[in-house]
Amino acid sequence: MKENVLIIAGIVLFCLITAFFIGLRPEHVLIAALCGTLFFINRKTRKFVTGLIPFILFAVSYDWMRIYPNYNVNPVDVEGLYNLEKSLFGIMEQGMKRIPSEYFDLHQHWVVDLLSGIFYLGWVPIPVAFGIYLYFINKKDLFLRFSMVFLLVNLIGFAGYYIHPAAPPWYVMNYGFEVIPDTPGNLAGLSRFDAITGLPLFDFIYGRNANVFAALPSLHSSYLVVALFYAVKGRRHWAMLLTIALFMCGIWFTAVYTAHHYIIDVLLGIFCALAGIFLFEYGLMKLPRFQSFFNRYLNYIS
């Protein structure tokens, strides 16, 4: 009964807060209904959706950043980050120094555009699929470690968004160095993938972007680092390791190629992933109270 009350109260609270501050969209209702349904169908589905809580918290916390945007907390870094990228990684061409994203914008190829879109579509589905895979092959301990680190890395990244709001390369390329609040999301180089395939996939994704001034760090670059670490730790098949590594490197390249992130963003995203893994494995898991919580959680979903 206590669990039933908690899940119902949680769903109702989520819907009320989202409706009041953001506005309920069909996907909000669908997620709430799906979570509630899985919780009440039977014992197996209840354990499964409970195990997915870290991923659910990630999605909710990302969406709720709309409630109080980071550009209302600290000044947005537009010009400083751009100039730092140019000084560290600028490319000279015909006497002009350009940041890598500007260089790639002038040197496009449809094959690279297609591959880049495929890589970028995997930035969340692959980690989530990897987590679900671990759950269903009965690697619950590894699954829970992975999902908790996934959430922790996101929280570290979200904190970075508020500490140092930053504009992506496409913003400078389109708007210059002026900060324009409530700037809508932009497909940037990913628009070429939508044009090639005729599918408005990235238009759908970036039309719902919670905040365009959240480029630093690049969490796109973090997730598969975490997935690869736990795939290695779990001694998964070499084909899985190779696939994750391929998509990881592809996402790093695509982030810069499509002007969604600077190389600096990508490097800090990788650092966030490594920091999250280290803090969890060698920090939180060494605390008796947290380890006790982890073991209770593990026993519940096992």
C-alpha atoms as a PDB file:
ATOM      1  CA  MET A   1       0.000   0.000   0.000  1.00  0.00           C
ATOM      2  CA  LYS A   2       2.847   2.384   0.846  1.00  0.00           C
ATOM      3  CA  GLU A   3       4.457   1.765  -2.546  1.00  0.00           C
ATOM      4  CA  ASN A   4       1.128   2.259  -4.332  1.00  0.00           C
ATOM      5  CA  VAL A   5       0.544   5.583  -2.590  1.00  0.00           C
ATOM      6  CA  LEU A   6       4.090   6.760  -3.354  1.00  0.00           C
ATOM      7  CA  ILE A   7       3.908   5.962  -7.063  1.00  0.00           C
ATOM      8  CA  ILE A   8       0.461   7.561  -7.475  1.00  0.00           C
ATOM      9  CA  ALA A   9       1.562  10.645  -5.518  1.00  0.00           C
ATOM     10  CA  GLY A  10       4.748  10.863  -7.601  1.00  0.00           C
ATOM     11  CA  ILE A  11       2.883  10.697 -10.909  1.00  0.00           C
ATOM     12  CA  VAL A  12       0.286  13.243  -9.801  1.00  0.00           C
ATOM     13  CA  LEU A  13       2.992  15.603  -8.507  1.00  0.00           C
ATOM     14  CA  PHE A  14       4.950  15.280 -11.748  1.00  0.00           C
ATOM     15  CA  CYS A  15       1.883  16.100 -13.823  1.00  0.00           C
ATOM     16  CA  LEU A  16       0.881  19.058 -11.644  1.00  0.00           C
ATOM     17  CA  ILE A  17       4.347  20.650 -11.582  1.00  0.00           C
ATOM     18  CA  THR A  18       4.853  20.081 -15.297  1.00  0.00           C
ATOM     19  CA  ALA A  19       1.397  21.443 -16.170  1.00  0.00           C
ATOM     20  CA  PHE A  20       1.800  24.532 -13.986  1.00  0.00           C
ATOM     21  CA  PHE A  21       5.352  25.539 -14.930  1.00  0.00           C
ATOM     22  CA  ILE A  22       5.866  24.107 -18.414  1.00  0.00           C
ATOM     23  CA  GLY A  23       2.591  22.827 -19.819  1.00  0.00           C
ATOM     24  CA  LEU A  24       1.660  19.200 -20.274  1.00  0.00           C
ATOM     25  CA  ARG A  25       2.494  17.751 -23.656  1.00  0.00           C
ATOM     26  CA  PRO A  26       1.285  14.386 -25.009  1.00  0.00           C
ATOM     27  CA  GLU A  27       4.654  12.763 -24.238  1.00  0.00           C
ATOM     28  CA  HIS A  28       4.355  13.785 -20.564  1.00  0.00           C
ATOM     29  CA  VAL A  29       0.993  12.069 -20.278  1.00  0.00           C
ATOM     30  CA  LEU A  30       2.285   9.016 -22.174  1.00  0.00           C
ATOM     31  CA  ILE A  31       5.328   8.607 -19.904  1.00  0.00           C
ATOM     32  CA  ALA A  32       3.242   9.044 -16.743  1.00  0.00           C
ATOM     33  CA  ALA A  33       0.653   6.537 -17.958  1.00  0.00           C
ATOM     34  CA  LEU A  34       3.314   4.033 -19.029  1.00  0.00           C
ATOM     35  CA  CYS A  35       5.162   4.205 -15.703  1.00  0.00           C
ATOM     36  CA  GLY A  36       1.939   3.836 -13.740  1.00  0.00           C
ATOM     37  CA  THR A  37       0.759   0.933 -15.876  1.00  0.00           C
ATOM     38  CA  LEU A  38       4.055  -0.956 -15.588  1.00  0.00           C
ATOM     39  CA  PHE A  39       4.078  -0.430 -11.836  1.00  0.00           C
ATOM     40  CA  PHE A  40       0.656  -1.996 -11.364  1.00  0.00           C
ATOM     41  CA  ILE A  41       0.578  -4.806 -13.980  1.00  0.00           C
ATOM     42  CA  ASN A  42       2.502  -7.390 -11.978  1.00  0.00           C
ATOM     43  CA  ARG A  43       5.548  -7.931  -9.799  1.00  0.00           C
ATOM     44  CA  LYS A  44       7.997  -8.273 -12.713  1.00  0.00           C
ATOM     45  CA  THR A  45       6.953  -5.060 -14.434  1.00  0.00           C
ATOM     46  CA  ARG A  46       6.960  -3.256 -11.068  1.00  0.00           C
ATOM     47  CA  LYS A  47      10.575  -4.282 -10.497  1.00  0.00           C
ATOM     48  CA  PHE A  48      11.493  -3.259 -14.048  1.00  0.00           C
ATOM     49  CA  VAL A  49      10.031   0.257 -13.885  1.00  0.00           C
ATOM     50  CA  THR A  50      11.525   0.733 -10.419  1.00  0.00           C
ATOM     51  CA  GLY A  51      14.914  -0.131 -11.864  1.00  0.00           C
ATOM     52  CA  LEU A  52      14.397   2.522 -14.533  1.00  0.00           C
ATOM     53  CA  ILE A  53      13.944   5.307 -11.972  1.00  0.00           C
ATOM     54  CA  PRO A  54      17.442   6.810 -12.565  1.00  0.00           C
ATOM     55  CA  PHE A  55      16.643   7.171 -16.285  1.00  0.00           C
ATOM     56  CA  ILE A  56      13.213   8.614 -15.485  1.00  0.00           C
ATOM     57  CA  LEU A  57      14.752  11.130 -13.077  1.00  0.00           C
ATOM     58  CA  PHE A  58      17.215  12.153 -15.798  1.00  0.00           C
ATOM     59  CA  ALA A  59      14.400  12.837 -18.276  1.00  0.00           C
ATOM     60  CA  VAL A  60      12.323  14.758 -15.725  1.00  0.00           C
ATOM     61  CA  SER A  61      15.217  16.869 -14.439  1.00  0.00           C
ATOM     62  CA  TYR A  62      16.272  17.761 -17.997  1.00  0.00           C
ATOM     63  CA  ASP A  63      12.756  18.850 -18.908  1.00  0.00           C
ATOM     64  CA  TRP A  64      12.320  20.780 -15.665  1.00  0.00           C
ATOM     65  CA  MET A  65      15.308  22.983 -16.481  1.00  0.00           C
ATOM     66  CA  ARG A  66      12.719  24.971 -18.428  1.00  0.00           C
ATOM     67  CA  ILE A  67      11.215  26.081 -15.116  1.00  0.00           C
ATOM     68  CA  TYR A  68      14.156  28.354 -14.307  1.00  0.00           C
ATOM     69  CA  PRO A  69      16.586  28.668 -17.250  1.00  0.00           C
ATOM     70  CA  ASN A  70      20.297  28.817 -16.530  1.00  0.00           C
ATOM     71  CA  TYR A  71      20.693  32.165 -18.286  1.00  0.00           C
ATOM     72  CA  ASN A  72      18.696  33.682 -15.428  1.00  0.00           C
ATOM     73  CA  VAL A  73      21.276  32.405 -12.950  1.00  0.00           C
ATOM     74  CA  ASN A  74      24.627  33.374 -14.477  1.00  0.00           C
ATOM     75  CA  PRO A  75      25.810  35.340 -17.534  1.00  0.00           C
ATOM     76  CA  VAL A  76      25.957  33.343 -20.766  1.00  0.00           C
ATOM     77  CA  ASP A  77      29.415  32.735 -22.196  1.00  0.00           C
ATOM     78  CA  VAL A  78      29.235  33.367 -25.929  1.00  0.00           C
ATOM     79  CA  GLU A  79      32.337  35.187 -27.098  1.00  0.00           C
ATOM     80  CA  GLY A  80      34.829  33.901 -24.511  1.00  0.00           C
ATOM     81  CA  LEU A  81      34.262  30.225 -25.310  1.00  0.00           C
ATOM     82  CA  TYR A  82      34.325  30.901 -29.049  1.00  0.00           C
ATOM     83  CA  ASN A  83      37.653  32.733 -28.800  1.00  0.00           C
ATOM     84  CA  LEU A  84      39.147  30.033 -26.575  1.00  0.00           C
ATOM     85  CA  GLU A  85      38.146  27.356 -29.074  1.00  0.00           C
ATOM     86  CA  LYS A  86      39.694  29.367 -31.893  1.00  0.00           C
ATOM     87  CA  SER A  87      42.939  29.910 -29.986  1.00  0.00           C
ATOM     88  CA  LEU A  88      43.274  26.222 -29.020  1.00  0.00           C
ATOM     89  CA  PHE A  89      41.869  24.406 -32.044  1.00  0.00           C
ATOM     90  CA  GLY A  90      41.509  27.027 -34.785  1.00  0.00           C
ATOM     91  CA  ILE A  91      42.165  25.951 -38.385  1.00  0.00           C
ATOM     92  CA  MET A  92      43.966  28.292 -40.789  1.00  0.00           C
ATOM     93  CA  GLU A  93      42.613  28.392 -44.315  1.00  0.00           C
ATOM     94  CA  GLN A  94      43.308  31.057 -46.938  1.00  0.00           C
ATOM     95  CA  GLY A  95      44.727  33.373 -44.325  1.00  0.00           C
ATOM     96  CA  MET A  96      41.693  33.131 -42.026  1.00  0.00           C
ATOM     97  CA  LYS A  97      41.485  31.241 -38.750  1.00  0.00           C
ATOM     98  CA  ARG A  98      38.212  29.455 -38.093  1.00  0.00           C
ATOM     99  CA  ILE A  99      36.930  27.264 -35.298  1.00  0.00           C
ATOM    100  CA  PRO A 100      36.522  23.590 -36.351  1.00  0.00           C
ATOM    101  CA  SER A 101      32.720  23.890 -36.600  1.00  0.00           C
ATOM    102  CA  GLU A 102      33.039  26.816 -39.017  1.00  0.00           C
ATOM    103  CA  TYR A 103      35.601  24.880 -41.055  1.00  0.00           C
ATOM    104  CA  PHE A 104      33.305  21.846 -41.312  1.00  0.00           C
ATOM    105  CA  ASP A 105      30.389  24.097 -42.245  1.00  0.00           C
ATOM    106  CA  LEU A 106      32.376  25.056 -45.334  1.00  0.00           C
ATOM    107  CA  HIS A 107      33.487  21.482 -46.064  1.00  0.00           C
ATOM    108  CA  GLN A 108      30.418  19.244 -46.011  1.00  0.00           C
ATOM    109  CA  HIS A 109      29.748  15.884 -47.618  1.00  0.00           C
ATOM    110  CA  TRP A 110      26.442  14.067 -47.766  1.00  0.00           C
ATOM    111  CA  VAL A 111      27.975  10.754 -46.685  1.00  0.00           C
ATOM    112  CA  VAL A 112      29.432  12.378 -43.563  1.00  0.00           C
ATOM    113  CA  ASP A 113      26.086  14.126 -42.953  1.00  0.00           C
ATOM    114  CA  LEU A 114      24.275  10.787 -43.121  1.00  0.00           C
ATOM    115  CA  LEU A 115      26.708   8.981 -40.832  1.00  0.00           C
ATOM    116  CA  SER A 116      26.741  11.891 -38.396  1.00  0.00           C
ATOM    117  CA  GLY A 117      22.970  11.787 -38.074  1.00  0.00           C
ATOM    118  CA  ILE A 118      23.034   8.033 -37.450  1.00  0.00           C
ATOM    119  CA  PHE A 119      25.671   8.454 -34.745  1.00  0.00           C
ATOM    120  CA  TYR A 120      23.828  11.311 -33.054  1.00  0.00           C
ATOM    121  CA  LEU A 121      20.556   9.427 -32.953  1.00  0.00           C
ATOM    122  CA  GLY A 122      22.256   6.943 -30.629  1.00  0.00           C
ATOM    123  CA  TRP A 123      23.321   9.335 -27.880  1.00  0.00           C
ATOM    124  CA  VAL A 124      20.439   8.328 -25.538  1.00  0.00           C
ATOM    125  CA  PRO A 125      18.892   5.171 -27.089  1.00  0.00           C
ATOM    126  CA  ILE A 126      22.152   3.198 -26.985  1.00  0.00           C
ATOM    127  CA  PRO A 127      22.918   3.841 -23.276  1.00  0.00           C
ATOM    128  CA  VAL A 128      19.288   3.153 -22.320  1.00  0.00           C
ATOM    129  CA  ALA A 129      19.217  -0.002 -24.464  1.00  0.00           C
ATOM    130  CA  PHE A 130      22.503  -1.096 -22.899  1.00  0.00           C
ATOM    131  CA  GLY A 131      21.029  -0.615 -19.422  1.00  0.00           C
ATOM    132  CA  ILE A 132      17.897  -2.592 -20.294  1.00  0.00           C
ATOM    133  CA  TYR A 133      20.084  -5.309 -21.799  1.00  0.00           C
ATOM    134  CA  LEU A 134      22.023  -5.611 -18.526  1.00  0.00           C
ATOM    135  CA  TYR A 135      18.741  -5.816 -16.620  1.00  0.00           C
ATOM    136  CA  PHE A 136      17.311  -8.649 -18.701  1.00  0.00           C
ATOM    137  CA  ILE A 137      20.476 -10.762 -18.791  1.00  0.00           C
ATOM    138  CA  ASN A 138      20.302 -10.668 -14.991  1.00  0.00           C
ATOM    139  CA  LYS A 139      23.312  -8.424 -14.453  1.00  0.00           C
ATOM    140  CA  LYS A 140      21.306  -6.361 -11.987  1.00  0.00           C
ATOM    141  CA  ASP A 141      24.295  -5.146  -9.982  1.00  0.00           C
ATOM    142  CA  LEU A 142      26.018  -3.852 -13.108  1.00  0.00           C
ATOM    143  CA  PHE A 143      22.731  -2.427 -14.386  1.00  0.00           C
ATOM    144  CA  LEU A 144      22.138  -0.465 -11.197  1.00  0.00           C
ATOM    145  CA  ARG A 145      25.689   0.857 -11.107  1.00  0.00           C
ATOM    146  CA  PHE A 146      25.409   1.955 -14.721  1.00  0.00           C
ATOM    147  CA  SER A 147      22.006   3.614 -14.324  1.00  0.00           C
ATOM    148  CA  MET A 148      23.038   5.458 -11.143  1.00  0.00           C
ATOM    149  CA  VAL A 149      26.259   6.708 -12.725  1.00  0.00           C
ATOM    150  CA  PHE A 150      24.264   7.760 -15.795  1.00  0.00           C
ATOM    151  CA  LEU A 151      22.061   9.898 -13.543  1.00  0.00           C
ATOM    152  CA  LEU A 152      25.030  11.236 -11.556  1.00  0.00           C
ATOM    153  CA  VAL A 153      26.874  12.295 -14.717  1.00  0.00           C
ATOM    154  CA  ASN A 154      23.778  14.140 -15.891  1.00  0.00           C
ATOM    155  CA  LEU A 155      23.403  15.944 -12.563  1.00  0.00           C
ATOM    156  CA  ILE A 156      27.064  16.994 -12.736  1.00  0.00           C
ATOM    157  CA  GLY A 157      26.502  18.261 -16.270  1.00  0.00           C
ATOM    158  CA  PHE A 158      23.287  20.078 -15.351  1.00  0.00           C
ATOM    159  CA  ALA A 159      25.118  21.805 -12.502  1.00  0.00           C
ATOM    160  CA  GLY A 160      27.720  22.884 -15.056  1.00  0.00           C
ATOM    161  CA  TYR A 161      24.976  24.372 -17.228  1.00  0.00           C
ATOM    162  CA  TYR A 162      23.881  26.623 -14.372  1.00  0.00           C
ATOM    163  CA  ILE A 163      27.379  27.457 -13.124  1.00  0.00           C
ATOM    164  CA  HIS A 164      28.614  28.416 -16.584  1.00  0.00           C
ATOM    165  CA  PRO A 165      25.858  28.860 -19.204  1.00  0.00           C
ATOM    166  CA  ALA A 166      27.394  28.701 -22.673  1.00  0.00           C
ATOM    167  CA  ALA A 167      26.223  29.080 -26.246  1.00  0.00           C
ATOM    168  CA  PRO A 168      27.005  26.416 -28.878  1.00  0.00           C
ATOM    169  CA  PRO A 169      28.931  27.183 -32.092  1.00  0.00           C
ATOM    170  CA  TRP A 170      25.784  27.373 -34.234  1.00  0.00           C
ATOM    171  CA  TYR A 171      24.505  30.190 -32.023  1.00  0.00           C
ATOM    172  CA  VAL A 172      27.548  32.370 -32.788  1.00  0.00           C
ATOM    173  CA  MET A 173      27.343  31.440 -36.461  1.00  0.00           C
ATOM    174  CA  ASN A 174      23.679  32.544 -36.586  1.00  0.00           C
ATOM    175  CA  TYR A 175      23.348  35.324 -34.008  1.00  0.00           C
ATOM    176  CA  GLY A 176      26.841  36.617 -33.267  1.00  0.00           C
ATOM    177  CA  PHE A 177      27.885  37.356 -29.705  1.00  0.00           C
ATOM    178  CA  GLU A 178      24.660  38.954 -28.456  1.00  0.00           C
ATOM    179  CA  VAL A 179      22.748  36.963 -25.821  1.00  0.00           C
ATOM    180  CA  ILE A 180      19.127  36.516 -26.890  1.00  0.00           C
ATOM    181  CA  PRO A 181      17.064  34.794 -24.152  1.00  0.00           C
ATOM    182  CA  ASP A 182      14.499  32.200 -25.188  1.00  0.00           C
ATOM    183  CA  THR A 183      16.332  31.475 -28.440  1.00  0.00           C
ATOM    184  CA  PRO A 184      14.632  28.438 -30.003  1.00  0.00           C
ATOM    185  CA  GLY A 185      16.492  25.210 -30.572  1.00  0.00           C
ATOM    186  CA  ASN A 186      18.356  24.813 -33.841  1.00  0.00           C
ATOM    187  CA  LEU A 187      19.165  21.715 -35.874  1.00  0.00           C
ATOM    188  CA  ALA A 188      22.398  23.301 -37.172  1.00  0.00           C
ATOM    189  CA  GLY A 189      24.298  20.718 -39.257  1.00  0.00           C
ATOM    190  CA  LEU A 190      21.839  17.977 -38.350  1.00  0.00           C
ATOM    191  CA  SER A 191      19.293  19.623 -40.650  1.00  0.00           C
ATOM    192  CA  ARG A 192      21.235  18.065 -43.531  1.00  0.00           C
ATOM    193  CA  PHE A 193      20.447  14.572 -42.202  1.00  0.00           C
ATOM    194  CA  ASP A 194      16.731  15.395 -42.075  1.00  0.00           C
ATOM    195  CA  ALA A 195      16.940  16.748 -45.628  1.00  0.00           C
ATOM    196  CA  ILE A 196      18.737  13.641 -46.928  1.00  0.00           C
ATOM    197  CA  THR A 197      16.366  11.150 -45.291  1.00  0.00           C
ATOM    198  CA  GLY A 198      13.200  13.210 -45.649  1.00  0.00           C
ATOM    199  CA  LEU A 199      12.448  12.448 -41.990  1.00  0.00           C
ATOM    200  CA  PRO A 200      12.027  15.321 -39.497  1.00  0.00           C
ATOM    201  CA  LEU A 201      13.782  13.371 -36.726  1.00  0.00           C
ATOM    202  CA  PHE A 202      16.107  16.065 -35.436  1.00  0.00           C
ATOM    203  CA  ASP A 203      13.496  18.734 -36.048  1.00  0.00           C
ATOM    204  CA  PHE A 204      11.301  16.853 -33.562  1.00  0.00           C
ATOM    205  CA  ILE A 205      14.147  16.460 -31.034  1.00  0.00           C
ATOM    206  CA  TYR A 206      15.575  19.966 -31.121  1.00  0.00           C
ATOM    207  CA  GLY A 207      12.172  21.600 -31.344  1.00  0.00           C
ATOM    208  CA  ARG A 208      11.836  20.439 -27.722  1.00  0.00           C
ATOM    209  CA  ASN A 209      15.295  21.534 -26.591  1.00  0.00           C
ATOM    210  CA  ALA A 210      15.073  22.639 -22.946  1.00  0.00           C
ATOM    211  CA  ASN A 211      17.797  25.275 -23.240  1.00  0.00           C
ATOM    212  CA  VAL A 212      20.148  26.264 -26.046  1.00  0.00           C
ATOM    213  CA  PHE A 213      22.655  27.794 -23.596  1.00  0.00           C
ATOM    214  CA  ALA A 214      23.610  24.382 -22.258  1.00  0.00           C
ATOM    215  CA  ALA A 215      26.543  23.515 -24.472  1.00  0.00           C
ATOM    216  CA  LEU A 216      29.198  23.160 -21.775  1.00  0.00           C
ATOM    217  CA  PRO A 217      29.812  20.327 -20.986  1.00  0.00           C
ATOM    218  CA  SER A 218      28.620  18.154 -23.867  1.00  0.00           C
ATOM    219  CA  LEU A 219      26.612  15.412 -22.198  1.00  0.00           C
ATOM    220  CA  HIS A 220      26.149  13.882 -25.639  1.00  0.00           C
ATOM    221  CA  SER A 221      29.840  13.055 -25.338  1.00  0.00           C
ATOM    222  CA  SER A 222      29.488  11.586 -21.840  1.00  0.00           C
ATOM    223  CA  TYR A 223      26.943   8.821 -22.055  1.00  0.00           C
ATOM    224  CA  LEU A 224      28.741   6.265 -24.173  1.00  0.00           C
ATOM    225  CA  VAL A 225      31.899   6.727 -22.116  1.00  0.00           C
ATOM    226  CA  VAL A 226      29.892   5.448 -19.151  1.00  0.00           C
ATOM    227  CA  ALA A 227      28.351   2.661 -21.235  1.00  0.00           C
ATOM    228  CA  LEU A 228      31.765   1.578 -22.509  1.00  0.00           C
ATOM    229  CA  PHE A 229      33.233   1.543 -18.994  1.00  0.00           C
ATOM    230  CA  TYR A 230      30.521  -0.778 -17.672  1.00  0.00           C
ATOM    231  CA  ALA A 231      30.557  -2.899 -20.823  1.00  0.00           C
ATOM    232  CA  VAL A 232      34.274  -3.502 -20.231  1.00  0.00           C
ATOM    233  CA  LYS A 233      33.698  -4.008 -16.512  1.00  0.00           C
ATOM    234  CA  GLY A 234      30.999  -6.563 -17.298  1.00  0.00           C
ATOM    235  CA  ARG A 235      33.247  -8.311 -19.839  1.00  0.00           C
ATOM    236  CA  ARG A 236      30.721  -8.015 -22.644  1.00  0.00           C
ATOM    237  CA  HIS A 237      31.331  -9.436 -26.109  1.00  0.00           C
ATOM    238  CA  TRP A 238      33.930  -7.643 -28.249  1.00  0.00           C
ATOM    239  CA  ALA A 239      31.275  -6.794 -30.856  1.00  0.00           C
ATOM    240  CA  MET A 240      29.308  -4.830 -28.270  1.00  0.00           C
ATOM    241  CA  LEU A 241      32.432  -3.027 -27.081  1.00  0.00           C
ATOM    242  CA  LEU A 242      33.337  -2.138 -30.648  1.00  0.00           C
ATOM    243  CA  THR A 243      29.821  -0.856 -31.423  1.00  0.00           C
ATOM    244  CA  ILE A 244      29.713   1.334 -28.321  1.00  0.00           C
ATOM    245  CA  ALA A 245      33.218   2.662 -29.003  1.00  0.00           C
ATOM    246  CA  LEU A 246      32.333   3.400 -32.643  1.00  0.00           C
ATOM    247  CA  PHE A 247      29.211   5.350 -31.704  1.00  0.00           C
ATOM    248  CA  MET A 248      31.103   7.114 -28.908  1.00  0.00           C
ATOM    249  CA  CYS A 249      33.778   8.428 -31.277  1.00  0.00           C
ATOM    250  CA  GLY A 250      31.140   9.155 -33.928  1.00  0.00           C
ATOM    251  CA  ILE A 251      29.163  11.288 -31.491  1.00  0.00           C
ATOM    252  CA  TRP A 252      32.283  13.188 -30.463  1.00  0.00           C
ATOM    253  CA  PHE A 253      33.009  14.005 -34.101  1.00  0.00           C
ATOM    254  CA  THR A 254      29.388  14.806 -34.958  1.00  0.00           C
ATOM    255  CA  ALA A 255      29.038  17.217 -32.048  1.00  0.00           C
ATOM    256  CA  VAL A 256      31.749  19.398 -33.610  1.00  0.00           C
ATOM    257  CA  TYR A 257      30.991  18.659 -37.286  1.00  0.00           C
ATOM    258  CA  THR A 258      27.356  19.777 -36.950  1.00  0.00           C
ATOM    259  CA  ALA A 259      28.261  22.868 -34.853  1.00  0.00           C
ATOM    260  CA  HIS A 260      26.373  21.684 -31.785  1.00  0.00           C
ATOM    261  CA  HIS A 261      29.459  21.705 -29.572  1.00  0.00           C
ATOM    262  CA  TYR A 262      32.989  22.987 -29.375  1.00  0.00           C
ATOM    263  CA  ILE A 263      35.872  20.560 -28.929  1.00  0.00           C
ATOM    264  CA  ILE A 264      36.176  22.082 -25.436  1.00  0.00           C
ATOM    265  CA  ASP A 265      32.589  20.988 -24.695  1.00  0.00           C
ATOM    266  CA  VAL A 266      33.354  17.455 -25.850  1.00  0.00           C
ATOM    267  CA  LEU A 267      36.480  17.199 -23.693  1.00  0.00           C
ATOM    268  CA  LEU A 268      34.621  18.456 -20.625  1.00  0.00           C
ATOM    269  CA  GLY A 269      31.800  16.001 -21.374  1.00  0.00           C
ATOM    270  CA  ILE A 270      34.311  13.147 -21.340  1.00  0.00           C
ATOM    271  CA  PHE A 271      35.708  14.518 -18.076  1.00  0.00           C
ATOM    272  CA  CYS A 272      32.182  14.603 -16.578  1.00  0.00           C
ATOM    273  CA  ALA A 273      31.722  10.928 -17.428  1.00  0.00           C
ATOM    274  CA  LEU A 274      35.040   9.939 -15.864  1.00  0.00           C
ATOM    275  CA  ALA A 275      34.360  12.119 -12.807  1.00  0.00           C
ATOM    276  CA  GLY A 276      30.909  10.540 -12.352  1.00  0.00           C
ATOM    277  CA  ILE A 277      32.329   7.022 -12.572  1.00  0.00           C
ATOM    278  CA  PHE A 278      35.106   7.839 -10.109  1.00  0.00           C
ATOM    279  CA  LEU A 279      32.799   9.596  -7.614  1.00  0.00           C
ATOM    280  CA  PHE A 280      30.349   6.715  -7.665  1.00  0.00           C
ATOM    281  CA  GLU A 281      32.715   3.741  -7.611  1.00  0.00           C
ATOM    282  CA  TYR A 282      35.360   5.186  -5.280  1.00  0.00           C
ATOM    283  CA  GLY A 283      33.282   7.677  -3.333  1.00  0.00           C
ATOM    284  CA  LEU A 284      29.604   6.888  -2.857  1.00  0.00           C
ATOM    285  CA  MET A 285      30.024   3.111  -2.886  1.00  0.00           C
ATOM    286  CA  LYS A 286      32.558   3.417  -0.054  1.00  0.00           C
ATOM    287  CA  LEU A 287      29.981   5.108   2.197  1.00  0.00           C
ATOM    288  CA  PRO A 288      28.182   2.545   4.406  1.00  0.00           C
ATOM    289  CA  ARG A 289      24.809   4.326   4.240  1.00  0.00           C
ATOM    290  CA  PHE A 290      24.867   4.663   0.480  1.00  0.00           C
ATOM    291  CA  GLN A 291      26.020   1.076   0.056  1.00  0.00           C
ATOM    292  CA  SER A 292      23.158  -0.037   2.284  1.00  0.00           C
ATOM    293  CA  PHE A 293      20.712   1.957   0.113  1.00  0.00           C
ATOM    294  CA  PHE A 294      22.259   0.456  -3.030  1.00  0.00           C
ATOM    295  CA  ASN A 295      21.903  -3.086  -1.668  1.00  0.00           C
ATOM    296  CA  ARG A 296      18.248  -2.534  -0.701  1.00  0.00           C
ATOM    297  CA  TYR A 297      17.523  -1.117  -4.144  1.00  0.00           C
ATOM    298  CA  LEU A 298      19.315  -4.057  -5.766  1.00  0.00           C
ATOM    299  CA  ASN A 299      17.396  -6.585  -3.673  1.00  0.00           C
ATOM    300  CA  TYR A 300      14.098  -4.923  -4.601  1.00  0.00           C
ATOM    301  CA  ILE A 301      14.640  -5.153  -8.364  1.00  0.00           C
ATOM    302  CA  SER A 302      16.273  -8.622  -8.281  1.00  0.00           C
END
